[in-house]
Amino acid sequence: MKRTVLISLIIGFFLIWIVGFGSSIFASKCLSDNASPRSKLTSCNIASATTLSRFVSSDEAEFVAIELERGISLIENQRMKDGTYAIKKILEKYGLVGGDGRNAEARSLNPVEVVIFRRVKLLDPSSDAFSVFAHEMR
């Protein structure tokens, strides 16, 4: 009985470790700028599905970064509707959709908002992804 419990705990630990390690590799590829749009989308989808940061509140900014890149990658891969939905979902969750009177410059930003605004600043203003952010955040 003791042996079965110990083996189960060891197997459980390694399964969680493998998922976390694999997700970390895909997340780093998702967040890099060197990947092709198709490869980046695949990495972002896998990272989004397997990341353990979705369950840890202190890693919320990392999860949002992966989801933003996933939305941008969807748009870059001509999946405008899916990309717009993914980005809008994040912006809605953090109260950044529409002009609700919150002036981001007049208050301190939380870590998630910092991630969102930094990523938007890196976008080409003529890109479709930038247009989606501009339309949703107006």
N, C-alpha and C. Protein backbone atom coordinates (compact mmCIF):
# COMPACT_ATOMS: atom_id res chain seq x y z
N MET A 1 0.82 -1.19 0.00
CA MET A 1 0.00 0.00 0.00
C MET A 1 0.87 1.26 0.00
N LYS A 2 1.87 1.30 0.90
CA LYS A 2 2.76 2.45 0.96
C LYS A 2 3.50 2.63 -0.36
N ARG A 3 3.93 1.52 -0.90
CA ARG A 3 4.68 1.56 -2.15
C ARG A 3 3.82 2.10 -3.29
N THR A 4 2.57 1.70 -3.37
CA THR A 4 1.66 2.16 -4.41
C THR A 4 1.43 3.67 -4.30
N VAL A 5 1.26 4.15 -3.08
CA VAL A 5 1.05 5.58 -2.86
C VAL A 5 2.30 6.35 -3.26
N LEU A 6 3.46 5.85 -2.87
CA LEU A 6 4.73 6.50 -3.21
C LEU A 6 4.94 6.54 -4.73
N ILE A 7 4.69 5.45 -5.40
CA ILE A 7 4.83 5.40 -6.86
C ILE A 7 3.84 6.35 -7.52
N SER A 8 2.63 6.40 -7.02
CA SER A 8 1.62 7.32 -7.56
C SER A 8 2.04 8.77 -7.40
N LEU A 9 2.60 9.11 -6.23
CA LEU A 9 3.08 10.47 -6.00
C LEU A 9 4.24 10.82 -6.93
N ILE A 10 5.15 9.90 -7.12
CA ILE A 10 6.29 10.14 -8.00
C ILE A 10 5.82 10.32 -9.44
N ILE A 11 4.93 9.47 -9.89
CA ILE A 11 4.40 9.60 -11.26
C ILE A 11 3.65 10.91 -11.41
N GLY A 12 2.84 11.26 -10.43
CA GLY A 12 2.10 12.53 -10.47
C GLY A 12 3.04 13.73 -10.54
N PHE A 13 4.09 13.70 -9.72
CA PHE A 13 5.07 14.78 -9.73
C PHE A 13 5.71 14.92 -11.11
N PHE A 14 6.14 13.81 -11.69
CA PHE A 14 6.80 13.87 -13.00
C PHE A 14 5.85 14.30 -14.11
N LEU A 15 4.60 13.91 -14.04
CA LEU A 15 3.63 14.36 -15.05
C LEU A 15 3.44 15.86 -14.99
N ILE A 16 3.30 16.40 -13.79
CA ILE A 16 3.14 17.85 -13.63
C ILE A 16 4.42 18.56 -14.07
N TRP A 17 5.56 18.02 -13.73
CA TRP A 17 6.85 18.63 -14.11
C TRP A 17 7.00 18.63 -15.63
N ILE A 18 6.66 17.52 -16.29
CA ILE A 18 6.80 17.44 -17.74
C ILE A 18 5.87 18.44 -18.42
N VAL A 19 4.64 18.53 -17.96
CA VAL A 19 3.70 19.50 -18.54
C VAL A 19 4.21 20.92 -18.35
N GLY A 20 4.67 21.23 -17.14
CA GLY A 20 5.19 22.57 -16.85
C GLY A 20 6.42 22.90 -17.68
N PHE A 21 7.33 21.96 -17.81
CA PHE A 21 8.56 22.17 -18.58
C PHE A 21 8.24 22.34 -20.06
N GLY A 22 7.39 21.47 -20.58
CA GLY A 22 7.00 21.57 -22.00
C GLY A 22 6.28 22.87 -22.29
N SER A 23 5.40 23.25 -21.39
CA SER A 23 4.66 24.50 -21.57
C SER A 23 5.61 25.68 -21.56
N SER A 24 6.61 25.63 -20.70
CA SER A 24 7.59 26.71 -20.63
C SER A 24 8.35 26.86 -21.95
N ILE A 25 8.70 25.76 -22.55
CA ILE A 25 9.40 25.81 -23.84
C ILE A 25 8.51 26.43 -24.91
N PHE A 26 7.26 26.00 -24.96
CA PHE A 26 6.34 26.56 -25.96
C PHE A 26 6.03 28.02 -25.67
N ALA A 27 5.93 28.39 -24.40
CA ALA A 27 5.67 29.78 -24.04
C ALA A 27 6.82 30.68 -24.48
N SER A 28 8.04 30.23 -24.30
CA SER A 28 9.18 31.06 -24.71
C SER A 28 9.21 31.24 -26.23
N LYS A 29 8.83 30.22 -26.97
CA LYS A 29 8.76 30.35 -28.43
C LYS A 29 7.60 31.26 -28.83
N CYS A 30 6.50 31.15 -28.11
CA CYS A 30 5.34 32.00 -28.37
C CYS A 30 5.67 33.47 -28.14
N LEU A 31 6.42 33.76 -27.10
CA LEU A 31 6.72 35.14 -26.74
C LEU A 31 7.92 35.72 -27.48
N SER A 32 8.59 34.90 -28.29
CA SER A 32 9.74 35.41 -29.05
C SER A 32 9.27 36.02 -30.36
N ASP A 33 10.06 36.91 -30.89
CA ASP A 33 9.72 37.55 -32.16
C ASP A 33 10.37 36.87 -33.35
N ASN A 34 11.14 35.82 -33.11
CA ASN A 34 11.90 35.19 -34.18
C ASN A 34 11.15 34.09 -34.91
N ALA A 35 10.01 33.67 -34.42
CA ALA A 35 9.28 32.56 -35.02
C ALA A 35 8.41 33.03 -36.18
N SER A 36 8.19 32.14 -37.12
CA SER A 36 7.27 32.44 -38.22
C SER A 36 5.86 32.51 -37.65
N PRO A 37 4.95 33.25 -38.32
CA PRO A 37 3.59 33.38 -37.78
C PRO A 37 2.89 32.04 -37.53
N ARG A 38 3.06 31.10 -38.43
CA ARG A 38 2.40 29.79 -38.27
C ARG A 38 2.98 29.01 -37.10
N SER A 39 4.31 29.00 -37.00
CA SER A 39 4.99 28.31 -35.91
C SER A 39 4.66 28.97 -34.56
N LYS A 40 4.61 30.29 -34.58
CA LYS A 40 4.30 31.04 -33.36
C LYS A 40 2.89 30.72 -32.89
N LEU A 41 1.95 30.63 -33.82
CA LEU A 41 0.56 30.32 -33.46
C LEU A 41 0.48 28.93 -32.83
N THR A 42 1.16 27.97 -33.40
CA THR A 42 1.17 26.62 -32.84
C THR A 42 1.74 26.63 -31.43
N SER A 43 2.86 27.32 -31.25
CA SER A 43 3.47 27.40 -29.92
C SER A 43 2.55 28.09 -28.92
N CYS A 44 1.91 29.16 -29.35
CA CYS A 44 1.00 29.89 -28.45
C CYS A 44 -0.21 29.05 -28.07
N ASN A 45 -0.75 28.30 -29.03
CA ASN A 45 -1.89 27.44 -28.73
C ASN A 45 -1.52 26.37 -27.71
N ILE A 46 -0.36 25.75 -27.90
CA ILE A 46 0.07 24.71 -26.96
C ILE A 46 0.38 25.31 -25.60
N ALA A 47 1.08 26.44 -25.58
CA ALA A 47 1.41 27.09 -24.31
C ALA A 47 0.14 27.51 -23.57
N SER A 48 -0.81 28.05 -24.30
CA SER A 48 -2.06 28.49 -23.67
C SER A 48 -2.83 27.32 -23.07
N ALA A 49 -2.83 26.20 -23.77
CA ALA A 49 -3.58 25.04 -23.30
C ALA A 49 -2.90 24.33 -22.13
N THR A 50 -1.57 24.40 -22.06
CA THR A 50 -0.87 23.62 -21.05
C THR A 50 -0.26 24.43 -19.91
N THR A 51 -0.29 25.74 -20.01
CA THR A 51 0.40 26.54 -18.99
C THR A 51 -0.25 26.38 -17.62
N LEU A 52 0.59 26.24 -16.63
CA LEU A 52 0.10 26.14 -15.26
C LEU A 52 -0.11 27.52 -14.66
N SER A 53 0.39 28.58 -15.35
CA SER A 53 0.24 29.94 -14.84
C SER A 53 -1.22 30.40 -14.87
N ARG A 54 -2.04 29.70 -15.61
CA ARG A 54 -3.46 30.03 -15.65
C ARG A 54 -4.09 29.80 -14.28
N PHE A 55 -3.48 28.94 -13.46
CA PHE A 55 -4.03 28.59 -12.16
C PHE A 55 -3.34 29.28 -10.99
N VAL A 56 -2.26 30.01 -11.28
CA VAL A 56 -1.49 30.66 -10.22
C VAL A 56 -1.65 32.17 -10.39
N SER A 57 -2.24 32.81 -9.41
CA SER A 57 -2.55 34.24 -9.55
C SER A 57 -1.29 35.09 -9.68
N SER A 58 -0.18 34.67 -9.11
CA SER A 58 1.04 35.46 -9.22
C SER A 58 1.65 35.40 -10.63
N ASP A 59 1.22 34.43 -11.43
CA ASP A 59 1.69 34.29 -12.81
C ASP A 59 0.67 34.78 -13.83
N GLU A 60 -0.29 35.55 -13.38
CA GLU A 60 -1.36 36.01 -14.26
C GLU A 60 -0.83 36.83 -15.42
N ALA A 61 0.17 37.65 -15.19
CA ALA A 61 0.73 38.47 -16.26
C ALA A 61 1.35 37.60 -17.36
N GLU A 62 1.98 36.50 -16.96
CA GLU A 62 2.56 35.59 -17.96
C GLU A 62 1.46 34.95 -18.81
N PHE A 63 0.39 34.54 -18.17
CA PHE A 63 -0.72 33.94 -18.92
C PHE A 63 -1.32 34.95 -19.89
N VAL A 64 -1.50 36.19 -19.45
CA VAL A 64 -2.05 37.24 -20.31
C VAL A 64 -1.11 37.49 -21.49
N ALA A 65 0.19 37.50 -21.24
CA ALA A 65 1.16 37.70 -22.33
C ALA A 65 1.02 36.60 -23.38
N ILE A 66 0.86 35.36 -22.94
CA ILE A 66 0.70 34.24 -23.88
C ILE A 66 -0.60 34.40 -24.65
N GLU A 67 -1.67 34.74 -23.96
CA GLU A 67 -2.96 34.91 -24.63
C GLU A 67 -2.95 36.08 -25.63
N LEU A 68 -2.28 37.17 -25.27
CA LEU A 68 -2.17 38.30 -26.21
C LEU A 68 -1.41 37.88 -27.46
N GLU A 69 -0.30 37.21 -27.28
CA GLU A 69 0.48 36.75 -28.43
C GLU A 69 -0.32 35.77 -29.27
N ARG A 70 -1.11 34.94 -28.62
CA ARG A 70 -1.97 34.00 -29.34
C ARG A 70 -2.99 34.76 -30.19
N GLY A 71 -3.60 35.78 -29.62
CA GLY A 71 -4.56 36.59 -30.38
C GLY A 71 -3.91 37.30 -31.55
N ILE A 72 -2.74 37.87 -31.31
CA ILE A 72 -2.01 38.56 -32.38
C ILE A 72 -1.61 37.57 -33.47
N SER A 73 -1.16 36.38 -33.06
CA SER A 73 -0.77 35.35 -34.03
C SER A 73 -1.96 34.88 -34.86
N LEU A 74 -3.11 34.78 -34.23
CA LEU A 74 -4.32 34.40 -34.98
C LEU A 74 -4.60 35.44 -36.07
N ILE A 75 -4.50 36.70 -35.72
CA ILE A 75 -4.74 37.77 -36.69
C ILE A 75 -3.69 37.72 -37.81
N GLU A 76 -2.43 37.51 -37.45
CA GLU A 76 -1.37 37.44 -38.45
C GLU A 76 -1.51 36.23 -39.37
N ASN A 77 -2.24 35.22 -38.93
CA ASN A 77 -2.49 34.03 -39.74
C ASN A 77 -3.87 34.08 -40.41
N GLN A 78 -4.37 35.29 -40.64
CA GLN A 78 -5.63 35.52 -41.34
C GLN A 78 -6.84 34.87 -40.65
N ARG A 79 -6.79 34.79 -39.34
CA ARG A 79 -7.94 34.31 -38.57
C ARG A 79 -8.43 35.47 -37.71
N MET A 80 -8.87 36.51 -38.40
CA MET A 80 -9.23 37.79 -37.79
C MET A 80 -10.31 37.64 -36.71
N LYS A 81 -11.35 36.89 -37.00
CA LYS A 81 -12.45 36.76 -36.06
C LYS A 81 -11.99 36.10 -34.75
N ASP A 82 -11.21 35.02 -34.86
CA ASP A 82 -10.71 34.32 -33.67
C ASP A 82 -9.74 35.20 -32.89
N GLY A 83 -8.85 35.90 -33.62
CA GLY A 83 -7.88 36.77 -32.96
C GLY A 83 -8.55 37.93 -32.25
N THR A 84 -9.53 38.53 -32.90
CA THR A 84 -10.26 39.64 -32.30
C THR A 84 -10.98 39.18 -31.03
N TYR A 85 -11.57 38.00 -31.09
CA TYR A 85 -12.27 37.46 -29.93
C TYR A 85 -11.30 37.23 -28.76
N ALA A 86 -10.13 36.64 -29.06
CA ALA A 86 -9.15 36.35 -28.01
C ALA A 86 -8.66 37.64 -27.35
N ILE A 87 -8.37 38.66 -28.15
CA ILE A 87 -7.89 39.93 -27.60
C ILE A 87 -8.99 40.63 -26.83
N LYS A 88 -10.19 40.64 -27.38
CA LYS A 88 -11.31 41.30 -26.72
C LYS A 88 -11.61 40.66 -25.36
N LYS A 89 -11.50 39.34 -25.30
CA LYS A 89 -11.75 38.62 -24.06
C LYS A 89 -10.78 39.06 -22.96
N ILE A 90 -9.52 39.23 -23.31
CA ILE A 90 -8.53 39.69 -22.34
C ILE A 90 -8.81 41.12 -21.91
N LEU A 91 -9.07 41.98 -22.88
CA LEU A 91 -9.32 43.39 -22.57
C LEU A 91 -10.58 43.56 -21.71
N GLU A 92 -11.60 42.76 -21.99
CA GLU A 92 -12.83 42.82 -21.18
C GLU A 92 -12.56 42.37 -19.75
N LYS A 93 -11.78 41.31 -19.62
CA LYS A 93 -11.49 40.78 -18.28
C LYS A 93 -10.82 41.82 -17.39
N TYR A 94 -10.01 42.69 -17.98
CA TYR A 94 -9.29 43.68 -17.20
C TYR A 94 -9.86 45.09 -17.33
N GLY A 95 -11.07 45.18 -17.84
CA GLY A 95 -11.77 46.46 -17.89
C GLY A 95 -11.15 47.47 -18.83
N LEU A 96 -10.53 47.01 -19.91
CA LEU A 96 -9.87 47.91 -20.84
C LEU A 96 -10.62 48.06 -22.16
N VAL A 97 -11.82 47.53 -22.24
CA VAL A 97 -12.62 47.65 -23.46
C VAL A 97 -13.50 48.87 -23.36
N GLY A 98 -13.51 49.66 -24.41
CA GLY A 98 -14.38 50.83 -24.48
C GLY A 98 -13.91 51.96 -23.59
N GLY A 99 -14.44 53.09 -23.79
CA GLY A 99 -14.08 54.28 -23.01
C GLY A 99 -14.93 54.36 -21.76
N ASP A 100 -14.49 53.73 -20.70
CA ASP A 100 -15.29 53.74 -19.48
C ASP A 100 -14.85 54.83 -18.50
N GLY A 101 -14.08 55.79 -18.99
CA GLY A 101 -13.70 56.90 -18.14
C GLY A 101 -12.44 56.66 -17.32
N ARG A 102 -11.89 55.46 -17.39
CA ARG A 102 -10.66 55.17 -16.63
C ARG A 102 -9.47 55.71 -17.39
N ASN A 103 -8.78 56.62 -16.83
CA ASN A 103 -7.61 57.21 -17.46
C ASN A 103 -6.37 56.46 -16.97
N ALA A 104 -5.82 55.60 -17.84
CA ALA A 104 -4.70 54.76 -17.45
C ALA A 104 -3.47 55.57 -17.09
N GLU A 105 -3.32 56.75 -17.68
CA GLU A 105 -2.14 57.55 -17.41
C GLU A 105 -2.21 58.23 -16.04
N ALA A 106 -3.40 58.43 -15.50
CA ALA A 106 -3.58 59.14 -14.24
C ALA A 106 -3.52 58.21 -13.03
N ARG A 107 -3.33 56.94 -13.24
CA ARG A 107 -3.27 56.00 -12.12
C ARG A 107 -2.14 55.01 -12.37
N SER A 108 -1.78 54.30 -11.34
CA SER A 108 -0.73 53.29 -11.53
C SER A 108 -1.36 52.04 -12.15
N LEU A 109 -0.62 51.43 -13.05
CA LEU A 109 -1.11 50.25 -13.75
C LEU A 109 -0.79 48.99 -12.96
N ASN A 110 -1.69 48.02 -13.02
CA ASN A 110 -1.38 46.74 -12.40
C ASN A 110 -0.47 45.96 -13.36
N PRO A 111 0.19 44.91 -12.90
CA PRO A 111 1.15 44.19 -13.74
C PRO A 111 0.57 43.67 -15.06
N VAL A 112 -0.68 43.27 -15.04
CA VAL A 112 -1.31 42.77 -16.26
C VAL A 112 -1.49 43.90 -17.27
N GLU A 113 -1.93 45.05 -16.82
CA GLU A 113 -2.09 46.19 -17.72
C GLU A 113 -0.75 46.62 -18.30
N VAL A 114 0.30 46.52 -17.51
CA VAL A 114 1.64 46.86 -18.01
C VAL A 114 2.00 45.93 -19.17
N VAL A 115 1.73 44.64 -19.01
CA VAL A 115 2.01 43.67 -20.08
C VAL A 115 1.23 44.02 -21.34
N ILE A 116 -0.04 44.33 -21.17
CA ILE A 116 -0.90 44.65 -22.32
C ILE A 116 -0.41 45.90 -23.04
N PHE A 117 -0.17 46.98 -22.30
CA PHE A 117 0.23 48.23 -22.94
C PHE A 117 1.63 48.15 -23.56
N ARG A 118 2.53 47.41 -22.93
CA ARG A 118 3.87 47.23 -23.53
C ARG A 118 3.77 46.51 -24.86
N ARG A 119 2.91 45.50 -24.91
CA ARG A 119 2.78 44.73 -26.16
C ARG A 119 2.14 45.57 -27.26
N VAL A 120 1.16 46.36 -26.90
CA VAL A 120 0.50 47.21 -27.90
C VAL A 120 1.51 48.22 -28.46
N LYS A 121 2.38 48.75 -27.62
CA LYS A 121 3.39 49.72 -28.08
C LYS A 121 4.34 49.11 -29.11
N LEU A 122 4.55 47.79 -29.06
CA LEU A 122 5.46 47.13 -29.98
C LEU A 122 4.84 46.81 -31.33
N LEU A 123 3.53 46.93 -31.42
CA LEU A 123 2.85 46.61 -32.69
C LEU A 123 3.06 47.71 -33.72
N ASP A 124 3.11 47.30 -34.96
CA ASP A 124 3.17 48.24 -36.07
C ASP A 124 1.80 48.94 -36.16
N PRO A 125 1.77 50.27 -36.13
CA PRO A 125 0.48 50.98 -36.16
C PRO A 125 -0.37 50.69 -37.40
N SER A 126 0.24 50.17 -38.45
CA SER A 126 -0.54 49.86 -39.65
C SER A 126 -0.99 48.39 -39.69
N SER A 127 -0.68 47.63 -38.64
CA SER A 127 -1.04 46.21 -38.63
C SER A 127 -2.51 46.01 -38.25
N ASP A 128 -3.03 44.86 -38.65
CA ASP A 128 -4.41 44.51 -38.29
C ASP A 128 -4.56 44.33 -36.79
N ALA A 129 -3.54 43.76 -36.14
CA ALA A 129 -3.61 43.55 -34.68
C ALA A 129 -3.71 44.89 -33.95
N PHE A 130 -2.94 45.89 -34.40
CA PHE A 130 -3.01 47.21 -33.78
C PHE A 130 -4.41 47.79 -33.95
N SER A 131 -4.98 47.60 -35.14
CA SER A 131 -6.34 48.10 -35.40
C SER A 131 -7.35 47.48 -34.45
N VAL A 132 -7.19 46.20 -34.18
CA VAL A 132 -8.10 45.52 -33.25
C VAL A 132 -7.99 46.13 -31.86
N PHE A 133 -6.76 46.33 -31.38
CA PHE A 133 -6.58 46.95 -30.07
C PHE A 133 -7.18 48.37 -30.05
N ALA A 134 -6.89 49.13 -31.08
CA ALA A 134 -7.39 50.51 -31.14
C ALA A 134 -8.92 50.53 -31.14
N HIS A 135 -9.51 49.63 -31.89
CA HIS A 135 -10.98 49.59 -31.96
C HIS A 135 -11.60 49.16 -30.63
N GLU A 136 -11.02 48.16 -30.00
CA GLU A 136 -11.58 47.64 -28.76
C GLU A 136 -11.36 48.56 -27.56
N MET A 137 -10.26 49.30 -27.56
CA MET A 137 -9.92 50.12 -26.39
C MET A 137 -10.41 51.56 -26.51
N ARG A 138 -11.03 51.92 -27.59
CA ARG A 138 -11.47 53.31 -27.76
C ARG A 138 -12.54 53.69 -26.80
